[in-house]
Structures are given as structure tokens and as C-alpha cells.
Amino acid sequence: MESIIARALEYTLKYWLKSFTRDQFKLNGRTAELSNLDINGDALHASLGLPPALTVERARVGKLQITLPSVSNVQVEPIVVNIDKLDLVLVEKDDSENLSSPTSNASSTAPTKSTGYGYADKIADGMTVQVGIVNLLLETHGGARRQGDATWSPPLAAITFRDLVLYTTNEKWQAVNLKEARDFSNSTGFIYVFKKLEWRSLSVDLLPHPDMFADARFNSSSSQDNKRDDDGAKRMFFGGERFLEGISGEANITLQRTEQNNPLGLEVQLHVTEALCPALSEPVYGRFFDS
């Protein structure tokens, strides 16, 4: 039985990781450790339901530890995946890239799985994932871009999650054993997977885009007064600005697939009780909210 679980786990790792080989995966009892892993961006993009306008430019795991349940409990207890750090970079595509056919791109680059809902898929759906820290860098082009000396690039958003946990639940998002979690799908004609995502802390920082001050007017040595007057707010972003912090919360996630394991829908319900916005307490921002 352990060898069957190991083979199913290898199948899952091949889907999620770039350049994965069986030599990298060696069980020591019921645990295995891997490090410095690149995640397949196409698999991550499809699983998260990201919009076509965004691409996963980088997805890297520092250290990954996998713990298998005992053989007698494999039907009811999840495989636990512990990740110390996950680095993600999401970039908005250029207009020319968005004009290309998403169907042809997906068919040529996205990883493929065998048809049907097999043992490896059930193992993957039942996994519990714990991540110490997630660093997400989001780069967008902004709503309005002009050419020439008036070009402006919006700041980058650096989003940090701490102590993130993702686990399988029943349809009411209650923690149950895996057998009970699968009961809902038995008579529906579809495959449903219910997950709960919890995190202890989330913060958002605004960082300067590498091209943010490429405008020739800002680089002119003869416009010192302009720099002092017009760049006052921009200098706040130049060194980075904490926009949101102290956000703890959870998300209820529903995945729906066909019986052939083809994705049909993804629904996410967010629950955030409180969010602190340090930027609004600064005098330069406070003036806009005092009336």
C-alpha cells in the first residue's frame, strides 16, 4: 500500500513541479523532504483560476516536507505538506499577448493529466498544505498608459501571507475525515472538493516599479523645484509604503469538476474581520478623509 501511495504522490509532484524526477523523491519512513523547487506556472494558473491577463512568471518553494498517514488511515487522513516559503511573481500580459488565442496557448503549454478521477487525484484533493510565508509580487500595467515622455508605471504590489493552512472539509466547510468529505459527490454526477484556507497575517506593500521614474521630466537635472513639489508623494512610494497590514482571515473554496475530472467552476468566499491601513493615518493621506 505504501508503494501505491508513493507512486500516486510522484504522479502529483510531476504535475505540479518542473523537472521532477523519481530520484528526487525518497521516503524516509513516512516522510520525504525536497528543496529549491520550481512550480509549474501553468498548473498553478489553472488550479487557482487566475484570469487570462495574468501569467505566473515565477513560483518557487524553499523547503518542502511531505508526511504520509499510516497505511491503516490512508482513506481518512490527509497527506500533510509543509512548505517553509513560497515565492510567487504574477505579471500582467502585454496587449499583444492578450490578443493571442488563449486556447492554443493553453493546449501547448499547460500540463496534462490522464482522463478520469484516479487514486492520485483523490490523494491530491485531500492534501493539507501548511505554508510558513507566502511572498506574492503582483505587477500590472495600470488602466491608462501613455507613450513618450508622459509614460507612467504603477507601483508593484507585494502581498505577504504568514502561517497559511489549506485543508479539505465537507460541504459546510467543517473539518471531517476524507471519507466524509467525499460523500457529497457520490450522488451528484460531479466531483466536488471543498477547501478551507486560513491565514494568521496578511500585509500589502506598494513598491516602486523599476520603470516608475524613467520619465525624462523626472530625470532632468534642471527641474529641481519640480522634483521637490511634484515628487513629494512619489517619494513615499519610492522607498515602499505599507498599505495594509494585520489582516487575518479565511476563505471557503468550492471546486467543481466533471466525472472525467475536467474543471467546471471555482468559487471563493472570503471572510476578513479586520484590516489596518497604516497609509491612511499619514497626514498626506488624512487630508482627503477629514471633510
Protein backbone atom coordinates (compact mmCIF):
# COMPACT_ATOMS: atom_id res chain seq x y z
CA MET A 1 0.00 0.00 0.00
CA GLU A 2 2.81 2.46 0.83
CA SER A 3 4.33 1.89 -2.61
CA ILE A 4 0.97 2.66 -4.23
CA ILE A 5 0.71 5.89 -2.22
CA ALA A 6 4.28 6.80 -3.14
CA ARG A 7 3.63 6.27 -6.87
CA ALA A 8 0.44 8.34 -6.70
CA LEU A 9 2.34 11.08 -4.90
CA GLU A 10 5.08 11.03 -7.54
CA TYR A 11 2.42 11.45 -10.20
CA THR A 12 1.07 14.50 -8.36
CA LEU A 13 4.53 16.02 -7.91
CA LYS A 14 5.29 15.59 -11.62
CA TYR A 15 2.16 17.57 -12.42
CA TRP A 16 2.99 20.42 -10.02
CA LEU A 17 6.76 20.67 -10.25
CA LYS A 18 9.12 21.49 -13.10
CA SER A 19 11.84 18.96 -13.97
CA PHE A 20 10.79 16.48 -11.29
CA THR A 21 12.40 13.02 -11.32
CA ARG A 22 11.85 9.96 -9.14
CA ASP A 23 15.39 10.25 -7.82
CA GLN A 24 14.38 13.45 -6.01
CA PHE A 25 11.61 11.68 -4.09
CA LYS A 26 12.83 9.29 -1.41
CA LEU A 27 10.73 8.31 1.58
CA ASN A 28 12.40 8.10 4.98
CA GLY A 29 9.79 6.17 6.91
CA ARG A 30 6.61 8.15 6.24
CA THR A 31 8.30 11.48 5.43
CA ALA A 32 10.15 12.95 2.47
CA GLU A 33 11.94 16.27 2.03
CA LEU A 34 12.59 18.28 -1.12
CA SER A 35 14.13 21.72 -1.50
CA ASN A 36 14.55 24.57 -4.02
CA LEU A 37 11.68 23.53 -6.27
CA ASP A 38 10.17 25.41 -9.22
CA ILE A 39 6.39 25.03 -9.51
CA ASN A 40 4.81 24.64 -12.93
CA GLY A 41 3.23 28.04 -13.56
CA ASP A 42 0.58 26.69 -15.94
CA ALA A 43 -0.63 24.14 -13.39
CA LEU A 44 -0.79 26.82 -10.70
CA HIS A 45 -2.58 29.25 -13.03
CA ALA A 46 -5.25 26.67 -13.89
CA SER A 47 -5.73 25.48 -10.29
CA LEU A 48 -6.12 28.99 -8.87
CA GLY A 49 -8.48 30.07 -11.63
CA LEU A 50 -6.38 33.14 -12.43
CA PRO A 51 -7.59 35.46 -15.21
CA PRO A 52 -6.00 35.00 -18.66
CA ALA A 53 -4.50 38.50 -18.44
CA LEU A 54 -2.13 37.33 -15.67
CA THR A 55 0.80 34.96 -16.10
CA VAL A 56 2.79 33.14 -13.43
CA GLU A 57 6.32 34.35 -14.10
CA ARG A 58 7.88 32.66 -11.07
CA ALA A 59 6.75 30.14 -8.46
CA ARG A 60 9.40 28.68 -6.19
CA VAL A 61 9.38 26.64 -2.98
CA GLY A 62 12.22 26.82 -0.49
CA LYS A 63 11.83 23.60 1.52
CA LEU A 64 9.02 21.06 1.19
CA GLN A 65 8.30 18.26 3.66
CA ILE A 66 5.71 15.57 2.97
CA THR A 67 4.25 13.39 5.72
CA LEU A 68 2.16 10.33 4.80
CA PRO A 69 -0.58 8.93 7.03
CA SER A 70 -0.31 5.42 8.36
CA VAL A 71 -1.43 2.71 5.95
CA SER A 72 -4.49 1.89 8.07
CA ASN A 73 -5.68 5.52 7.95
CA VAL A 74 -4.88 6.41 4.35
CA GLN A 75 -8.59 6.58 3.39
CA VAL A 76 -9.48 9.07 6.14
CA GLU A 77 -6.35 11.09 6.94
CA PRO A 78 -4.66 13.54 4.57
CA ILE A 79 -1.10 13.72 3.37
CA VAL A 80 0.39 16.80 5.04
CA VAL A 81 2.65 19.08 3.01
CA ASN A 82 4.74 21.62 4.93
CA ILE A 83 6.39 24.47 2.99
CA ASP A 84 8.67 26.97 4.70
CA LYS A 85 8.47 29.67 2.00
CA LEU A 86 6.66 30.10 -1.32
CA ASP A 87 7.70 32.91 -3.69
CA LEU A 88 5.26 33.91 -6.45
CA VAL A 89 5.51 36.55 -9.18
CA LEU A 90 2.37 37.35 -11.20
CA VAL A 91 2.69 39.68 -14.19
CA GLU A 92 0.01 41.22 -16.37
CA LYS A 93 0.45 40.30 -20.01
CA ASP A 94 1.04 42.92 -22.68
CA ASP A 95 -1.84 43.77 -25.00
CA SER A 96 -0.21 41.82 -27.82
CA GLU A 97 -0.07 38.71 -25.66
CA ASN A 98 -3.73 39.07 -24.66
CA LEU A 99 -4.73 39.16 -28.30
CA SER A 100 -3.26 35.72 -28.93
CA SER A 101 -5.58 32.75 -28.65
CA PRO A 102 -5.77 31.52 -25.04
CA THR A 103 -6.99 28.14 -26.21
CA SER A 104 -3.95 27.46 -28.36
CA ASN A 105 -1.60 28.67 -25.63
CA ALA A 106 -3.23 26.52 -23.01
CA SER A 107 -3.11 23.40 -25.15
CA SER A 108 0.56 23.86 -25.98
CA THR A 109 1.92 24.82 -22.56
CA ALA A 110 -0.43 23.53 -19.86
CA PRO A 111 0.44 20.22 -18.18
CA THR A 112 -1.94 17.38 -18.80
CA LYS A 113 -3.42 14.66 -16.62
CA SER A 114 -4.87 11.34 -17.63
CA THR A 115 -8.63 11.27 -18.05
CA GLY A 116 -10.76 10.15 -15.17
CA TYR A 117 -10.64 10.71 -11.45
CA GLY A 118 -7.97 8.35 -10.22
CA TYR A 119 -6.34 7.45 -6.93
CA ALA A 120 -3.64 10.10 -7.36
CA ASP A 121 -6.28 12.80 -7.90
CA LYS A 122 -8.08 11.80 -4.71
CA ILE A 123 -4.81 11.96 -2.79
CA ALA A 124 -4.03 15.41 -4.19
CA ASP A 125 -7.53 16.73 -3.41
CA GLY A 126 -7.28 15.52 0.17
CA MET A 127 -3.90 17.05 0.97
CA THR A 128 -3.40 19.51 3.80
CA VAL A 129 -0.92 22.24 2.91
CA GLN A 130 0.81 24.40 5.52
CA VAL A 131 2.99 27.33 4.44
CA GLY A 132 5.09 29.47 6.77
CA ILE A 133 5.28 32.50 4.49
CA VAL A 134 3.98 33.32 1.00
CA ASN A 135 5.58 36.22 -0.86
CA LEU A 136 3.44 37.33 -3.80
CA LEU A 137 4.66 40.09 -6.13
CA LEU A 138 1.99 41.45 -8.49
CA GLU A 139 2.98 43.59 -11.48
CA THR A 140 0.26 45.27 -13.54
CA HIS A 141 0.34 47.86 -16.30
CA GLY A 142 -2.42 50.06 -14.90
CA GLY A 143 -5.57 51.28 -16.56
CA ALA A 144 -4.04 54.17 -18.51
CA ARG A 145 -0.66 54.05 -20.23
CA ARG A 146 0.68 56.79 -22.47
CA GLN A 147 3.69 56.70 -24.73
CA GLY A 148 6.55 59.18 -24.92
CA ASP A 149 7.75 61.35 -22.05
CA ALA A 150 4.46 61.01 -20.15
CA THR A 151 4.68 57.26 -19.59
CA TRP A 152 3.82 56.18 -16.03
CA SER A 153 4.18 52.74 -14.49
CA PRO A 154 2.07 51.81 -11.44
CA PRO A 155 3.80 50.54 -8.31
CA LEU A 156 4.16 46.83 -7.65
CA ALA A 157 2.02 45.16 -5.01
CA ALA A 158 3.96 42.96 -2.59
CA ILE A 159 1.49 40.73 -0.72
CA THR A 160 2.71 38.63 2.19
CA PHE A 161 0.79 35.79 3.88
CA ARG A 162 2.04 34.24 7.12
CA ASP A 163 1.04 30.90 8.64
CA LEU A 164 -1.26 29.79 5.84
CA VAL A 165 -3.17 26.50 6.09
CA LEU A 166 -5.29 24.85 3.37
CA TYR A 167 -7.29 21.73 4.26
CA THR A 168 -10.20 19.66 2.97
CA THR A 169 -13.67 19.95 4.53
CA ASN A 170 -17.24 18.83 3.90
CA GLU A 171 -19.81 20.96 2.02
CA LYS A 172 -20.38 23.04 5.19
CA TRP A 173 -16.63 23.73 5.46
CA GLN A 174 -16.35 21.68 8.62
CA ALA A 175 -13.21 19.66 9.29
CA VAL A 176 -14.06 15.98 8.78
CA ASN A 177 -12.18 12.87 7.70
CA LEU A 178 -11.56 12.46 3.96
CA LYS A 179 -14.16 9.73 3.50
CA GLU A 180 -16.91 12.01 4.81
CA ALA A 181 -15.57 14.89 2.74
CA ARG A 182 -16.12 12.87 -0.47
CA ASP A 183 -19.66 11.77 0.40
CA PHE A 184 -21.27 14.88 -1.09
CA SER A 185 -20.08 13.99 -4.62
CA ASN A 186 -21.41 10.43 -4.59
CA SER A 187 -24.90 11.16 -5.95
CA THR A 188 -24.41 14.46 -7.79
CA GLY A 189 -22.82 13.33 -11.05
CA PHE A 190 -19.98 15.77 -10.45
CA ILE A 191 -16.79 15.91 -8.41
CA TYR A 192 -16.89 18.49 -5.64
CA VAL A 193 -13.91 19.44 -3.49
CA PHE A 194 -14.40 21.77 -0.53
CA LYS A 195 -11.41 23.50 1.00
CA LYS A 196 -10.87 25.99 3.80
CA LEU A 197 -7.96 28.42 3.64
CA GLU A 198 -6.85 30.19 6.82
CA TRP A 199 -4.03 32.66 7.41
CA ARG A 200 -2.74 34.43 10.52
CA SER A 201 -1.47 37.60 8.89
CA LEU A 202 -1.63 39.34 5.52
CA SER A 203 0.09 42.59 4.54
CA VAL A 204 0.23 44.61 1.32
CA ASP A 205 3.13 46.90 0.40
CA LEU A 206 3.32 49.22 -2.59
CA LEU A 207 6.77 49.16 -4.16
CA PRO A 208 8.23 51.32 -6.94
CA HIS A 209 8.11 49.84 -10.41
CA PRO A 210 11.60 49.59 -12.00
CA ASP A 211 10.37 51.97 -14.74
CA MET A 212 8.42 54.25 -12.42
CA PHE A 213 10.84 57.16 -12.74
CA ALA A 214 12.03 56.55 -16.30
CA ASP A 215 10.14 59.66 -17.42
CA ALA A 216 12.62 62.14 -18.84
CA ARG A 217 10.94 65.02 -17.00
CA PHE A 218 11.71 63.45 -13.61
CA ASN A 219 15.33 62.74 -14.54
CA SER A 220 16.11 66.25 -15.77
CA SER A 221 18.80 67.93 -13.67
CA SER A 222 17.32 71.36 -14.41
CA SER A 223 13.98 70.70 -12.68
CA GLN A 224 14.95 70.63 -9.02
CA ASP A 225 11.90 72.65 -7.97
CA ASN A 226 9.65 70.27 -9.87
CA LYS A 227 11.21 67.32 -8.05
CA ARG A 228 10.60 68.91 -4.68
CA ASP A 229 7.00 69.86 -5.45
CA ASP A 230 5.70 67.07 -7.67
CA ASP A 231 7.67 64.14 -6.27
CA GLY A 232 6.67 64.62 -2.66
CA ALA A 233 4.02 61.89 -2.76
CA LYS A 234 6.05 59.81 -5.20
CA ARG A 235 8.99 59.63 -2.82
CA MET A 236 6.73 57.88 -0.35
CA PHE A 237 6.27 55.11 -2.90
CA PHE A 238 9.90 55.19 -3.97
CA GLY A 239 11.01 53.54 -0.75
CA GLY A 240 7.90 51.38 -0.47
CA GLU A 241 4.74 52.03 1.51
CA ARG A 242 2.85 49.65 3.82
CA PHE A 243 -0.72 49.90 2.56
CA LEU A 244 -2.50 47.17 4.54
CA GLU A 245 -1.41 45.00 7.45
CA GLY A 246 -2.66 42.86 10.28
CA ILE A 247 -5.26 41.09 8.16
CA SER A 248 -6.22 37.66 9.42
CA GLY A 249 -8.97 35.74 7.72
CA GLU A 250 -10.22 32.65 5.99
CA ALA A 251 -11.69 31.58 2.68
CA ASN A 252 -14.21 28.87 1.82
CA ILE A 253 -13.34 27.31 -1.54
CA THR A 254 -15.52 25.14 -3.76
CA LEU A 255 -14.13 23.27 -6.77
CA GLN A 256 -16.46 21.57 -9.24
CA ARG A 257 -15.34 19.11 -11.91
CA THR A 258 -16.94 16.65 -14.30
CA GLU A 259 -16.77 12.94 -13.61
CA GLN A 260 -13.90 12.87 -16.14
CA ASN A 261 -12.06 15.33 -13.84
CA ASN A 262 -12.38 18.33 -16.15
CA PRO A 263 -12.75 21.67 -14.30
CA LEU A 264 -16.17 23.32 -14.35
CA GLY A 265 -16.13 26.01 -11.68
CA LEU A 266 -14.28 27.65 -8.80
CA GLU A 267 -15.94 29.69 -6.05
CA VAL A 268 -14.13 31.52 -3.24
CA GLN A 269 -15.88 33.16 -0.26
CA LEU A 270 -13.59 35.48 1.71
CA HIS A 271 -14.08 36.30 5.39
CA VAL A 272 -11.96 39.12 6.83
CA THR A 273 -12.88 40.52 10.25
CA GLU A 274 -10.49 43.47 10.40
CA ALA A 275 -7.92 45.27 8.23
CA LEU A 276 -5.49 48.00 9.30
CA CYS A 277 -4.47 50.63 6.74
CA PRO A 278 -1.39 52.50 8.07
CA ALA A 279 -1.18 54.68 4.94
CA LEU A 280 -4.48 56.38 5.79
CA SER A 281 -3.09 57.58 9.13
CA GLU A 282 -0.34 59.62 7.43
CA PRO A 283 -1.06 63.38 7.21
CA VAL A 284 -0.70 63.43 3.42
CA TYR A 285 -3.48 60.86 3.09
CA GLY A 286 -5.53 62.01 6.07
CA ARG A 287 -6.33 65.35 4.44
CA PHE A 288 -8.54 63.56 1.91
CA PHE A 289 -10.68 61.98 4.63
CA ASP A 290 -11.15 64.91 7.10
CA SER A 291 -14.10 66.60 5.43
